[in-house]
Amino acid sequence: MFNIFSLFLVFGFKTYIKIIQGAILVSIIFYYLKKGKKKELKKYIISALISIFSYLLAMIVLIVLLWN
């Protein structure tokens, strides 16, 4: 029971960090959309997608660990 609780604490903290990173990336993307700079925009969109996929992968691994 303690291990499940500690996993939720760690995962919850990482969730807050990912939300903050996502908000910063979205604000940067909208800034470059307003400026009309496409090359810088691609870099931040790729970074945002990598962040989202790594978060989803961590979520899937956590669910698999909790079900077993």
N, C-alpha and C. Protein backbone atom coordinates (compact mmCIF):
# COMPACT_ATOMS: atom_id res chain seq x y z
N MET A 1 0.82 -1.20 0.00
CA MET A 1 0.00 0.00 0.00
C MET A 1 0.87 1.26 0.00
N PHE A 2 1.97 1.23 0.73
CA PHE A 2 2.84 2.39 0.79
C PHE A 2 3.48 2.68 -0.56
N ASN A 3 3.83 1.63 -1.30
CA ASN A 3 4.46 1.84 -2.61
C ASN A 3 3.52 2.52 -3.59
N ILE A 4 2.24 2.12 -3.57
CA ILE A 4 1.26 2.74 -4.45
C ILE A 4 1.10 4.22 -4.09
N PHE A 5 1.04 4.52 -2.81
CA PHE A 5 0.89 5.89 -2.37
C PHE A 5 2.09 6.75 -2.77
N SER A 6 3.29 6.21 -2.61
CA SER A 6 4.48 6.97 -2.99
C SER A 6 4.55 7.18 -4.51
N LEU A 7 4.10 6.19 -5.29
CA LEU A 7 4.06 6.37 -6.74
C LEU A 7 3.11 7.49 -7.13
N PHE A 8 1.96 7.56 -6.46
CA PHE A 8 1.02 8.63 -6.76
C PHE A 8 1.59 9.99 -6.38
N LEU A 9 2.33 10.06 -5.27
CA LEU A 9 2.94 11.34 -4.88
C LEU A 9 3.95 11.81 -5.92
N VAL A 10 4.83 10.89 -6.35
CA VAL A 10 5.85 11.25 -7.34
C VAL A 10 5.20 11.60 -8.66
N PHE A 11 4.22 10.80 -9.07
CA PHE A 11 3.56 11.06 -10.36
C PHE A 11 2.78 12.37 -10.32
N GLY A 12 2.18 12.68 -9.18
CA GLY A 12 1.45 13.94 -9.05
C GLY A 12 2.37 15.13 -9.16
N PHE A 13 3.56 15.05 -8.56
CA PHE A 13 4.52 16.14 -8.64
C PHE A 13 5.01 16.33 -10.06
N LYS A 14 5.27 15.22 -10.75
CA LYS A 14 5.71 15.31 -12.15
C LYS A 14 4.60 15.87 -13.03
N THR A 15 3.35 15.58 -12.67
CA THR A 15 2.23 16.12 -13.44
C THR A 15 2.20 17.64 -13.37
N TYR A 16 2.42 18.19 -12.17
CA TYR A 16 2.44 19.64 -12.04
C TYR A 16 3.57 20.25 -12.85
N ILE A 17 4.73 19.61 -12.85
CA ILE A 17 5.86 20.11 -13.63
C ILE A 17 5.53 20.09 -15.12
N LYS A 18 4.89 19.02 -15.59
CA LYS A 18 4.53 18.92 -17.01
C LYS A 18 3.49 19.96 -17.39
N ILE A 19 2.55 20.25 -16.48
CA ILE A 19 1.54 21.28 -16.77
C ILE A 19 2.20 22.64 -16.92
N ILE A 20 3.16 22.95 -16.05
CA ILE A 20 3.87 24.23 -16.13
C ILE A 20 4.68 24.30 -17.42
N GLN A 21 5.38 23.20 -17.77
CA GLN A 21 6.15 23.18 -19.01
C GLN A 21 5.24 23.36 -20.23
N GLY A 22 4.10 22.69 -20.20
CA GLY A 22 3.15 22.80 -21.31
C GLY A 22 2.62 24.22 -21.46
N ALA A 23 2.33 24.88 -20.33
CA ALA A 23 1.85 26.26 -20.40
C ALA A 23 2.91 27.19 -20.97
N ILE A 24 4.16 26.98 -20.58
CA ILE A 24 5.24 27.81 -21.11
C ILE A 24 5.41 27.57 -22.61
N LEU A 25 5.36 26.30 -23.03
CA LEU A 25 5.51 25.99 -24.46
C LEU A 25 4.36 26.57 -25.28
N VAL A 26 3.14 26.50 -24.75
CA VAL A 26 1.99 27.05 -25.48
C VAL A 26 2.12 28.56 -25.62
N SER A 27 2.58 29.22 -24.55
CA SER A 27 2.75 30.68 -24.65
C SER A 27 3.83 31.04 -25.66
N ILE A 28 4.92 30.25 -25.70
CA ILE A 28 5.97 30.50 -26.69
C ILE A 28 5.45 30.28 -28.11
N ILE A 29 4.65 29.22 -28.31
CA ILE A 29 4.10 28.93 -29.63
C ILE A 29 3.19 30.06 -30.09
N PHE A 30 2.32 30.58 -29.19
CA PHE A 30 1.45 31.68 -29.58
C PHE A 30 2.23 32.96 -29.85
N TYR A 31 3.33 33.16 -29.12
CA TYR A 31 4.18 34.34 -29.35
C TYR A 31 4.77 34.29 -30.76
N TYR A 32 5.29 33.13 -31.15
CA TYR A 32 5.88 33.02 -32.49
C TYR A 32 4.82 33.02 -33.58
N LEU A 33 3.61 32.56 -33.28
CA LEU A 33 2.53 32.66 -34.26
C LEU A 33 2.18 34.12 -34.54
N LYS A 34 2.18 34.93 -33.48
CA LYS A 34 1.89 36.36 -33.67
C LYS A 34 3.01 37.05 -34.43
N LYS A 35 4.26 36.65 -34.18
CA LYS A 35 5.40 37.26 -34.86
C LYS A 35 5.54 36.77 -36.30
N GLY A 36 5.02 35.58 -36.58
CA GLY A 36 5.10 35.03 -37.92
C GLY A 36 6.41 34.33 -38.22
N LYS A 37 7.10 33.86 -37.19
CA LYS A 37 8.38 33.15 -37.40
C LYS A 37 8.11 31.65 -37.41
N LYS A 38 8.33 31.02 -38.55
CA LYS A 38 7.98 29.61 -38.71
C LYS A 38 9.10 28.67 -38.25
N LYS A 39 10.37 29.04 -38.45
CA LYS A 39 11.47 28.13 -38.11
C LYS A 39 11.56 27.90 -36.61
N GLU A 40 11.43 28.96 -35.83
CA GLU A 40 11.47 28.80 -34.37
C GLU A 40 10.26 28.04 -33.87
N LEU A 41 9.13 28.24 -34.57
CA LEU A 41 7.88 27.59 -34.16
C LEU A 41 7.98 26.07 -34.26
N LYS A 42 8.62 25.56 -35.33
CA LYS A 42 8.76 24.12 -35.50
C LYS A 42 9.52 23.49 -34.34
N LYS A 43 10.56 24.16 -33.88
CA LYS A 43 11.39 23.64 -32.79
C LYS A 43 10.56 23.47 -31.52
N TYR A 44 9.71 24.47 -31.22
CA TYR A 44 8.93 24.40 -29.99
C TYR A 44 7.76 23.43 -30.09
N ILE A 45 7.20 23.28 -31.29
CA ILE A 45 6.11 22.30 -31.47
C ILE A 45 6.65 20.89 -31.30
N ILE A 46 7.83 20.60 -31.85
CA ILE A 46 8.45 19.28 -31.69
C ILE A 46 8.76 19.01 -30.22
N SER A 47 9.25 20.02 -29.52
CA SER A 47 9.55 19.88 -28.10
C SER A 47 8.28 19.60 -27.30
N ALA A 48 7.19 20.28 -27.64
CA ALA A 48 5.91 20.07 -26.95
C ALA A 48 5.39 18.66 -27.20
N LEU A 49 5.52 18.17 -28.44
CA LEU A 49 5.04 16.82 -28.75
C LEU A 49 5.86 15.76 -28.02
N ILE A 50 7.17 15.95 -27.93
CA ILE A 50 8.02 15.00 -27.19
C ILE A 50 7.62 15.00 -25.72
N SER A 51 7.35 16.16 -25.17
CA SER A 51 6.95 16.25 -23.77
C SER A 51 5.62 15.53 -23.53
N ILE A 52 4.66 15.71 -24.43
CA ILE A 52 3.35 15.06 -24.28
C ILE A 52 3.49 13.55 -24.39
N PHE A 53 4.26 13.06 -25.37
CA PHE A 53 4.40 11.61 -25.54
C PHE A 53 5.16 10.97 -24.38
N SER A 54 6.16 11.66 -23.84
CA SER A 54 6.88 11.10 -22.69
C SER A 54 5.97 11.05 -21.46
N TYR A 55 5.11 12.05 -21.32
CA TYR A 55 4.15 12.05 -20.21
C TYR A 55 3.16 10.89 -20.35
N LEU A 56 2.65 10.68 -21.56
CA LEU A 56 1.70 9.58 -21.77
C LEU A 56 2.37 8.23 -21.55
N LEU A 57 3.62 8.09 -21.96
CA LEU A 57 4.35 6.84 -21.75
C LEU A 57 4.54 6.57 -20.27
N ALA A 58 4.89 7.61 -19.51
CA ALA A 58 5.04 7.45 -18.06
C ALA A 58 3.71 7.07 -17.41
N MET A 59 2.62 7.64 -17.90
CA MET A 59 1.29 7.32 -17.36
C MET A 59 0.93 5.86 -17.64
N ILE A 60 1.21 5.38 -18.84
CA ILE A 60 0.91 3.99 -19.20
C ILE A 60 1.75 3.03 -18.35
N VAL A 61 3.02 3.34 -18.17
CA VAL A 61 3.89 2.49 -17.34
C VAL A 61 3.38 2.44 -15.91
N LEU A 62 2.96 3.58 -15.38
CA LEU A 62 2.44 3.61 -14.01
C LEU A 62 1.18 2.78 -13.88
N ILE A 63 0.27 2.87 -14.85
CA ILE A 63 -0.96 2.08 -14.81
C ILE A 63 -0.65 0.59 -14.87
N VAL A 64 0.29 0.20 -15.73
CA VAL A 64 0.67 -1.21 -15.84
C VAL A 64 1.28 -1.71 -14.53
N LEU A 65 2.13 -0.87 -13.90
CA LEU A 65 2.73 -1.27 -12.63
C LEU A 65 1.69 -1.41 -11.53
N LEU A 66 0.69 -0.54 -11.55
CA LEU A 66 -0.33 -0.61 -10.51
C LEU A 66 -1.28 -1.78 -10.70
N TRP A 67 -1.52 -2.19 -11.95
CA TRP A 67 -2.44 -3.29 -12.19
C TRP A 67 -1.80 -4.64 -11.88
N ASN A 68 -0.47 -4.71 -11.95
CA ASN A 68 0.20 -6.00 -11.70
C ASN A 68 0.52 -6.21 -10.25
